[in-house]
Amino acid sequence: TGLPSCMPNMPNDVTHAELVARFSSLPLDFDPGTDWRYNNSGYYLLGMIVEAASGDRYADYLEAHLFGPAGMNHSDYETSATPRAEGYRRNGDTFSVAGPISMTQPFSAGATASTAPDLIRWQRALVNGALDPPDAFERITSDAVDAGGGRERYGFGIGMAELGGRRVISHGGGINGFASLLAYFPESDHTFVIRANTEGFNAGGVLSQLTRALLPEE
């Protein structure tokens, strides 16, 4: 998504080969194992690995191993034809409909649609060991080691930090016309889901306000 070719091509359907060709010949940002950086291209490749290892389409794999077991009946892998709420882009005090995007572009880096209750179902299934493997929550909340030998505040696809003196495990997301955030406070066992149909919405700011208003002071 940081490449100049991303934005102009967002409305166009692409194959895996076409998308990967955009970055496969570029030099590495750093030597493997020496640093870490959030990267949508990496998540796209991970989805391709899931398909190759399982023999299933990514959408079918999600249904069988995530949506079904977690009881997420209102979640799916989107296609460009999937009905969805209208998403907007804010420009000062005015709003306009966000630019179109083909869901073949984000693929496993962002083409999953869900509801607030379903996201809580996923979070509870993960924490309670109801997904395969049962220790998935412990695995994805393991810290990554950075190049300097310290500890990154990011595990296998999830962020770990403190908010108001409380440990919080969370992740936000954004795509054309939409923003979201899911946050879990393990000590008090509270979960917050924030969703907005406005691009760039400050979900983190809303989470800070909610925790101050609703959670007991530490």
C-alpha atoms as a PDB file:
ATOM      1  CA  THR A   1       0.000   0.000   0.000  1.00  0.00           C
ATOM      2  CA  GLY A   2       2.996   2.334   0.221  1.00  0.00           C
ATOM      3  CA  LEU A   3       3.891   1.927  -3.447  1.00  0.00           C
ATOM      4  CA  PRO A   4       2.911   4.577  -6.003  1.00  0.00           C
ATOM      5  CA  SER A   5       1.096   1.887  -8.016  1.00  0.00           C
ATOM      6  CA  CYS A   6      -1.387   1.161  -5.201  1.00  0.00           C
ATOM      7  CA  MET A   7      -3.800   4.091  -5.189  1.00  0.00           C
ATOM      8  CA  PRO A   8      -4.417   4.419  -8.966  1.00  0.00           C
ATOM      9  CA  ASN A   9      -5.072   0.681  -9.278  1.00  0.00           C
ATOM     10  CA  MET A  10      -7.379   0.217  -6.278  1.00  0.00           C
ATOM     11  CA  PRO A  11     -10.622  -0.177  -8.313  1.00  0.00           C
ATOM     12  CA  ASN A  12      -9.119  -2.859 -10.574  1.00  0.00           C
ATOM     13  CA  ASP A  13      -9.393  -6.618 -10.056  1.00  0.00           C
ATOM     14  CA  VAL A  14      -5.994  -8.327  -9.873  1.00  0.00           C
ATOM     15  CA  THR A  15      -4.710 -11.884  -9.667  1.00  0.00           C
ATOM     16  CA  HIS A  16      -2.229 -12.988  -7.028  1.00  0.00           C
ATOM     17  CA  ALA A  17       0.519 -13.054  -9.633  1.00  0.00           C
ATOM     18  CA  GLU A  18      -0.264  -9.518 -10.799  1.00  0.00           C
ATOM     19  CA  LEU A  19      -0.326  -8.101  -7.288  1.00  0.00           C
ATOM     20  CA  VAL A  20       2.854  -9.840  -6.123  1.00  0.00           C
ATOM     21  CA  ALA A  21       4.657  -8.693  -9.280  1.00  0.00           C
ATOM     22  CA  ARG A  22       4.357  -5.114  -8.011  1.00  0.00           C
ATOM     23  CA  PHE A  23       6.776  -5.714  -5.142  1.00  0.00           C
ATOM     24  CA  SER A  24       8.535  -9.060  -5.693  1.00  0.00           C
ATOM     25  CA  SER A  25      11.522  -7.555  -7.510  1.00  0.00           C
ATOM     26  CA  LEU A  26      12.006  -4.633  -5.096  1.00  0.00           C
ATOM     27  CA  PRO A  27      14.909  -4.688  -2.621  1.00  0.00           C
ATOM     28  CA  LEU A  28      14.231  -5.761   0.948  1.00  0.00           C
ATOM     29  CA  ASP A  29      13.660  -3.029   3.537  1.00  0.00           C
ATOM     30  CA  PHE A  30      16.083  -4.894   5.823  1.00  0.00           C
ATOM     31  CA  ASP A  31      17.685  -8.311   6.193  1.00  0.00           C
ATOM     32  CA  PRO A  32      15.219 -10.951   7.461  1.00  0.00           C
ATOM     33  CA  GLY A  33      15.373 -11.356  11.226  1.00  0.00           C
ATOM     34  CA  THR A  34      17.042  -7.990  11.876  1.00  0.00           C
ATOM     35  CA  ASP A  35      14.006  -5.705  12.132  1.00  0.00           C
ATOM     36  CA  TRP A  36      10.206  -5.585  11.997  1.00  0.00           C
ATOM     37  CA  ARG A  37       7.694  -3.476  10.128  1.00  0.00           C
ATOM     38  CA  TYR A  38       3.925  -3.761   9.628  1.00  0.00           C
ATOM     39  CA  ASN A  39       3.451  -4.568   5.971  1.00  0.00           C
ATOM     40  CA  ASN A  40       0.278  -5.378   4.023  1.00  0.00           C
ATOM     41  CA  SER A  41       2.305  -7.172   1.355  1.00  0.00           C
ATOM     42  CA  GLY A  42       3.380  -9.641   4.038  1.00  0.00           C
ATOM     43  CA  TYR A  43      -0.223 -10.352   5.008  1.00  0.00           C
ATOM     44  CA  TYR A  44      -1.121 -10.807   1.339  1.00  0.00           C
ATOM     45  CA  LEU A  45       1.647 -13.404   1.020  1.00  0.00           C
ATOM     46  CA  LEU A  46       0.469 -15.063   4.228  1.00  0.00           C
ATOM     47  CA  GLY A  47      -2.984 -15.557   2.686  1.00  0.00           C
ATOM     48  CA  MET A  48      -1.367 -17.177  -0.343  1.00  0.00           C
ATOM     49  CA  ILE A  49       0.560 -19.491   2.012  1.00  0.00           C
ATOM     50  CA  VAL A  50      -2.716 -20.453   3.723  1.00  0.00           C
ATOM     51  CA  GLU A  51      -4.205 -21.370   0.340  1.00  0.00           C
ATOM     52  CA  ALA A  52      -1.134 -23.352  -0.742  1.00  0.00           C
ATOM     53  CA  ALA A  53      -0.775 -25.216   2.567  1.00  0.00           C
ATOM     54  CA  SER A  54      -4.478 -26.039   2.983  1.00  0.00           C
ATOM     55  CA  GLY A  55      -5.478 -26.553  -0.639  1.00  0.00           C
ATOM     56  CA  ASP A  56      -8.523 -24.338   0.040  1.00  0.00           C
ATOM     57  CA  ARG A  57      -9.487 -20.914  -1.204  1.00  0.00           C
ATOM     58  CA  TYR A  58      -8.766 -18.336   1.479  1.00  0.00           C
ATOM     59  CA  ALA A  59     -12.479 -17.507   1.802  1.00  0.00           C
ATOM     60  CA  ASP A  60     -13.366 -21.183   2.334  1.00  0.00           C
ATOM     61  CA  TYR A  61     -10.574 -21.603   4.871  1.00  0.00           C
ATOM     62  CA  LEU A  62     -11.857 -18.665   6.913  1.00  0.00           C
ATOM     63  CA  GLU A  63     -15.363 -20.099   6.945  1.00  0.00           C
ATOM     64  CA  ALA A  64     -14.208 -23.551   8.035  1.00  0.00           C
ATOM     65  CA  HIS A  65     -11.585 -22.583  10.598  1.00  0.00           C
ATOM     66  CA  LEU A  66     -12.670 -19.187  11.909  1.00  0.00           C
ATOM     67  CA  PHE A  67     -16.203 -17.980  11.188  1.00  0.00           C
ATOM     68  CA  GLY A  68     -17.883 -21.359  11.722  1.00  0.00           C
ATOM     69  CA  PRO A  69     -16.092 -22.458  14.929  1.00  0.00           C
ATOM     70  CA  ALA A  70     -16.440 -18.998  16.493  1.00  0.00           C
ATOM     71  CA  GLY A  71     -20.154 -18.693  15.614  1.00  0.00           C
ATOM     72  CA  MET A  72     -19.535 -15.632  13.442  1.00  0.00           C
ATOM     73  CA  ASN A  73     -22.659 -15.900  11.306  1.00  0.00           C
ATOM     74  CA  HIS A  74     -22.514 -12.296  10.083  1.00  0.00           C
ATOM     75  CA  SER A  75     -18.916 -12.265   8.859  1.00  0.00           C
ATOM     76  CA  ASP A  76     -17.453 -13.194   5.520  1.00  0.00           C
ATOM     77  CA  TYR A  77     -14.671 -12.719   3.056  1.00  0.00           C
ATOM     78  CA  GLU A  78     -15.795  -9.897   0.818  1.00  0.00           C
ATOM     79  CA  THR A  79     -15.871  -9.715  -2.924  1.00  0.00           C
ATOM     80  CA  SER A  80     -16.423  -6.544  -4.911  1.00  0.00           C
ATOM     81  CA  ALA A  81     -20.106  -7.506  -5.238  1.00  0.00           C
ATOM     82  CA  THR A  82     -20.720  -7.949  -1.482  1.00  0.00           C
ATOM     83  CA  PRO A  83     -23.356  -5.443  -0.232  1.00  0.00           C
ATOM     84  CA  ARG A  84     -21.929  -3.139   2.413  1.00  0.00           C
ATOM     85  CA  ALA A  85     -22.612   0.147   4.153  1.00  0.00           C
ATOM     86  CA  GLU A  86     -21.540   3.266   2.309  1.00  0.00           C
ATOM     87  CA  GLY A  87     -18.093   4.447   3.358  1.00  0.00           C
ATOM     88  CA  TYR A  88     -17.061   8.097   3.420  1.00  0.00           C
ATOM     89  CA  ARG A  89     -13.973  10.254   3.315  1.00  0.00           C
ATOM     90  CA  ARG A  90     -13.805  13.455   5.360  1.00  0.00           C
ATOM     91  CA  ASN A  91     -12.369  16.687   4.001  1.00  0.00           C
ATOM     92  CA  GLY A  92     -12.609  19.321   6.712  1.00  0.00           C
ATOM     93  CA  ASP A  93     -16.297  19.683   7.551  1.00  0.00           C
ATOM     94  CA  THR A  94     -17.542  17.935   4.414  1.00  0.00           C
ATOM     95  CA  PHE A  95     -17.901  14.275   3.541  1.00  0.00           C
ATOM     96  CA  SER A  96     -17.714  12.488   0.213  1.00  0.00           C
ATOM     97  CA  VAL A  97     -18.166   8.862  -0.765  1.00  0.00           C
ATOM     98  CA  ALA A  98     -14.841   7.074  -0.474  1.00  0.00           C
ATOM     99  CA  GLY A  99     -13.070   5.896  -3.589  1.00  0.00           C
ATOM    100  CA  PRO A 100     -13.837   2.387  -4.877  1.00  0.00           C
ATOM    101  CA  ILE A 101     -11.626  -0.592  -4.147  1.00  0.00           C
ATOM    102  CA  SER A 102     -11.601  -4.111  -5.560  1.00  0.00           C
ATOM    103  CA  MET A 103     -11.368  -6.616  -2.726  1.00  0.00           C
ATOM    104  CA  THR A 104      -8.849  -8.569  -4.796  1.00  0.00           C
ATOM    105  CA  GLN A 105      -6.392  -5.806  -3.888  1.00  0.00           C
ATOM    106  CA  PRO A 106      -6.278  -6.233  -0.062  1.00  0.00           C
ATOM    107  CA  PHE A 107      -7.129  -9.991  -0.126  1.00  0.00           C
ATOM    108  CA  SER A 108      -5.916 -11.440   3.194  1.00  0.00           C
ATOM    109  CA  ALA A 109      -4.626  -8.032   4.309  1.00  0.00           C
ATOM    110  CA  GLY A 110      -8.109  -6.526   4.637  1.00  0.00           C
ATOM    111  CA  ALA A 111     -10.970  -8.082   2.668  1.00  0.00           C
ATOM    112  CA  THR A 112     -12.839  -9.530   5.655  1.00  0.00           C
ATOM    113  CA  ALA A 113     -16.142  -7.959   6.723  1.00  0.00           C
ATOM    114  CA  SER A 114     -17.741  -8.406  10.129  1.00  0.00           C
ATOM    115  CA  THR A 115     -20.083  -6.904  12.713  1.00  0.00           C
ATOM    116  CA  ALA A 116     -19.381  -5.668  16.246  1.00  0.00           C
ATOM    117  CA  PRO A 117     -21.056  -8.702  17.908  1.00  0.00           C
ATOM    118  CA  ASP A 118     -19.173 -11.107  15.631  1.00  0.00           C
ATOM    119  CA  LEU A 119     -15.852  -9.459  16.430  1.00  0.00           C
ATOM    120  CA  ILE A 120     -16.572 -10.018  20.121  1.00  0.00           C
ATOM    121  CA  ARG A 121     -17.428 -13.665  19.349  1.00  0.00           C
ATOM    122  CA  TRP A 122     -14.051 -14.007  17.644  1.00  0.00           C
ATOM    123  CA  GLN A 123     -12.243 -12.402  20.554  1.00  0.00           C
ATOM    124  CA  ARG A 124     -13.972 -14.602  23.131  1.00  0.00           C
ATOM    125  CA  ALA A 125     -13.366 -17.781  21.116  1.00  0.00           C
ATOM    126  CA  LEU A 126      -9.693 -16.855  20.803  1.00  0.00           C
ATOM    127  CA  VAL A 127      -9.195 -16.045  24.491  1.00  0.00           C
ATOM    128  CA  ASN A 128     -11.143 -19.106  25.645  1.00  0.00           C
ATOM    129  CA  GLY A 129      -9.124 -21.518  23.486  1.00  0.00           C
ATOM    130  CA  ALA A 130     -12.079 -22.483  21.284  1.00  0.00           C
ATOM    131  CA  LEU A 131     -10.148 -22.109  18.026  1.00  0.00           C
ATOM    132  CA  ASP A 132      -7.475 -24.351  16.540  1.00  0.00           C
ATOM    133  CA  PRO A 133      -4.883 -24.380  17.989  1.00  0.00           C
ATOM    134  CA  PRO A 134      -6.241 -23.826  21.518  1.00  0.00           C
ATOM    135  CA  ASP A 135      -3.139 -21.843  22.488  1.00  0.00           C
ATOM    136  CA  ALA A 136      -3.540 -19.415  19.566  1.00  0.00           C
ATOM    137  CA  PHE A 137      -4.082 -16.454  21.894  1.00  0.00           C
ATOM    138  CA  GLU A 138      -0.822 -17.118  23.727  1.00  0.00           C
ATOM    139  CA  ARG A 139       0.986 -17.500  20.419  1.00  0.00           C
ATOM    140  CA  ILE A 140      -0.192 -14.268  18.821  1.00  0.00           C
ATOM    141  CA  THR A 141       0.482 -12.197  21.948  1.00  0.00           C
ATOM    142  CA  SER A 142       4.127 -13.236  22.022  1.00  0.00           C
ATOM    143  CA  ASP A 143       6.422 -10.230  21.608  1.00  0.00           C
ATOM    144  CA  ALA A 144       8.662  -9.891  18.573  1.00  0.00           C
ATOM    145  CA  VAL A 145      12.352  -9.165  19.119  1.00  0.00           C
ATOM    146  CA  ASP A 146      13.604  -6.014  17.408  1.00  0.00           C
ATOM    147  CA  ALA A 147      16.987  -5.390  15.842  1.00  0.00           C
ATOM    148  CA  GLY A 148      18.343  -3.754  18.981  1.00  0.00           C
ATOM    149  CA  GLY A 149      17.594  -6.740  21.181  1.00  0.00           C
ATOM    150  CA  GLY A 150      14.624  -5.068  22.897  1.00  0.00           C
ATOM    151  CA  ARG A 151      10.993  -6.088  22.840  1.00  0.00           C
ATOM    152  CA  GLU A 152       8.589  -4.799  20.209  1.00  0.00           C
ATOM    153  CA  ARG A 153       5.097  -4.024  21.394  1.00  0.00           C
ATOM    154  CA  TYR A 154       3.634  -6.169  18.658  1.00  0.00           C
ATOM    155  CA  GLY A 155       3.018  -9.905  18.496  1.00  0.00           C
ATOM    156  CA  PHE A 156       1.875 -12.152  15.647  1.00  0.00           C
ATOM    157  CA  GLY A 157      -0.673  -9.785  14.161  1.00  0.00           C
ATOM    158  CA  ILE A 158      -1.735  -8.015  17.359  1.00  0.00           C
ATOM    159  CA  GLY A 159      -0.621  -4.941  19.295  1.00  0.00           C
ATOM    160  CA  MET A 160       0.196  -4.869  23.001  1.00  0.00           C
ATOM    161  CA  ALA A 161       0.395  -1.689  25.033  1.00  0.00           C
ATOM    162  CA  GLU A 162      -0.913   0.122  28.112  1.00  0.00           C
ATOM    163  CA  LEU A 163      -3.812   2.548  28.265  1.00  0.00           C
ATOM    164  CA  GLY A 164      -4.580   4.393  31.470  1.00  0.00           C
ATOM    165  CA  GLY A 165      -2.320   2.030  33.393  1.00  0.00           C
ATOM    166  CA  ARG A 166      -4.128  -1.034  32.035  1.00  0.00           C
ATOM    167  CA  ARG A 167      -2.671  -3.667  29.732  1.00  0.00           C
ATOM    168  CA  VAL A 168      -4.527  -3.662  26.418  1.00  0.00           C
ATOM    169  CA  ILE A 169      -4.315  -6.082  23.494  1.00  0.00           C
ATOM    170  CA  SER A 170      -5.697  -4.476  20.378  1.00  0.00           C
ATOM    171  CA  HIS A 171      -5.607  -3.820  16.677  1.00  0.00           C
ATOM    172  CA  GLY A 172      -7.068  -1.177  14.438  1.00  0.00           C
ATOM    173  CA  GLY A 173      -7.867  -1.280  10.762  1.00  0.00           C
ATOM    174  CA  GLY A 174      -8.637   1.074   7.965  1.00  0.00           C
ATOM    175  CA  ILE A 175      -9.695   0.780   4.340  1.00  0.00           C
ATOM    176  CA  ASN A 176     -11.457   2.994   1.816  1.00  0.00           C
ATOM    177  CA  GLY A 177     -14.344   4.603   3.727  1.00  0.00           C
ATOM    178  CA  PHE A 178     -14.034   2.644   6.971  1.00  0.00           C
ATOM    179  CA  ALA A 179     -12.105   2.469  10.256  1.00  0.00           C
ATOM    180  CA  SER A 180     -12.251   0.000  13.134  1.00  0.00           C
ATOM    181  CA  LEU A 181     -10.630  -1.000  16.398  1.00  0.00           C
ATOM    182  CA  LEU A 182     -10.943  -4.021  18.681  1.00  0.00           C
ATOM    183  CA  ALA A 183      -9.388  -3.764  22.137  1.00  0.00           C
ATOM    184  CA  TYR A 184      -9.238  -6.318  24.960  1.00  0.00           C
ATOM    185  CA  PHE A 185      -8.284  -5.534  28.555  1.00  0.00           C
ATOM    186  CA  PRO A 186      -7.267  -8.944  29.978  1.00  0.00           C
ATOM    187  CA  GLU A 187      -7.074  -8.023  33.668  1.00  0.00           C
ATOM    188  CA  SER A 188     -10.672  -6.768  33.808  1.00  0.00           C
ATOM    189  CA  ASP A 189     -11.864  -8.963  30.893  1.00  0.00           C
ATOM    190  CA  HIS A 190     -13.454  -6.061  29.008  1.00  0.00           C
ATOM    191  CA  THR A 191     -13.701  -5.870  25.216  1.00  0.00           C
ATOM    192  CA  PHE A 192     -14.387  -2.778  23.122  1.00  0.00           C
ATOM    193  CA  VAL A 193     -15.280  -2.753  19.423  1.00  0.00           C
ATOM    194  CA  ILE A 194     -15.322   0.572  17.585  1.00  0.00           C
ATOM    195  CA  ARG A 195     -16.427   0.796  13.958  1.00  0.00           C
ATOM    196  CA  ALA A 196     -17.012   3.805  11.721  1.00  0.00           C
ATOM    197  CA  ASN A 197     -17.936   4.273   8.087  1.00  0.00           C
ATOM    198  CA  THR A 198     -15.573   7.238   7.805  1.00  0.00           C
ATOM    199  CA  GLU A 199     -12.038   6.893   6.530  1.00  0.00           C
ATOM    200  CA  GLY A 200      -9.389   7.931   9.052  1.00  0.00           C
ATOM    201  CA  PHE A 201     -11.838   8.046  11.979  1.00  0.00           C
ATOM    202  CA  ASN A 202      -9.967   8.403  15.292  1.00  0.00           C
ATOM    203  CA  ALA A 203     -11.035   5.113  16.860  1.00  0.00           C
ATOM    204  CA  GLY A 204      -8.107   5.226  19.279  1.00  0.00           C
ATOM    205  CA  GLY A 205      -9.315   8.537  20.685  1.00  0.00           C
ATOM    206  CA  VAL A 206     -12.792   7.100  21.227  1.00  0.00           C
ATOM    207  CA  LEU A 207     -11.292   4.081  22.997  1.00  0.00           C
ATOM    208  CA  SER A 208      -9.419   6.382  25.392  1.00  0.00           C
ATOM    209  CA  GLN A 209     -12.628   8.225  26.237  1.00  0.00           C
ATOM    210  CA  LEU A 210     -14.574   4.989  26.722  1.00  0.00           C
ATOM    211  CA  THR A 211     -12.008   3.456  29.059  1.00  0.00           C
ATOM    212  CA  ARG A 212     -11.921   6.594  31.207  1.00  0.00           C
ATOM    213  CA  ALA A 213     -15.713   6.628  31.437  1.00  0.00           C
ATOM    214  CA  LEU A 214     -16.482   2.920  31.816  1.00  0.00           C
ATOM    215  CA  LEU A 215     -13.569   1.062  33.346  1.00  0.00           C
ATOM    216  CA  PRO A 216     -12.759   1.271  37.051  1.00  0.00           C
ATOM    217  CA  GLU A 217      -9.667   3.278  37.844  1.00  0.00           C
ATOM    218  CA  GLU A 218      -6.524   1.254  38.440  1.00  0.00           C
END
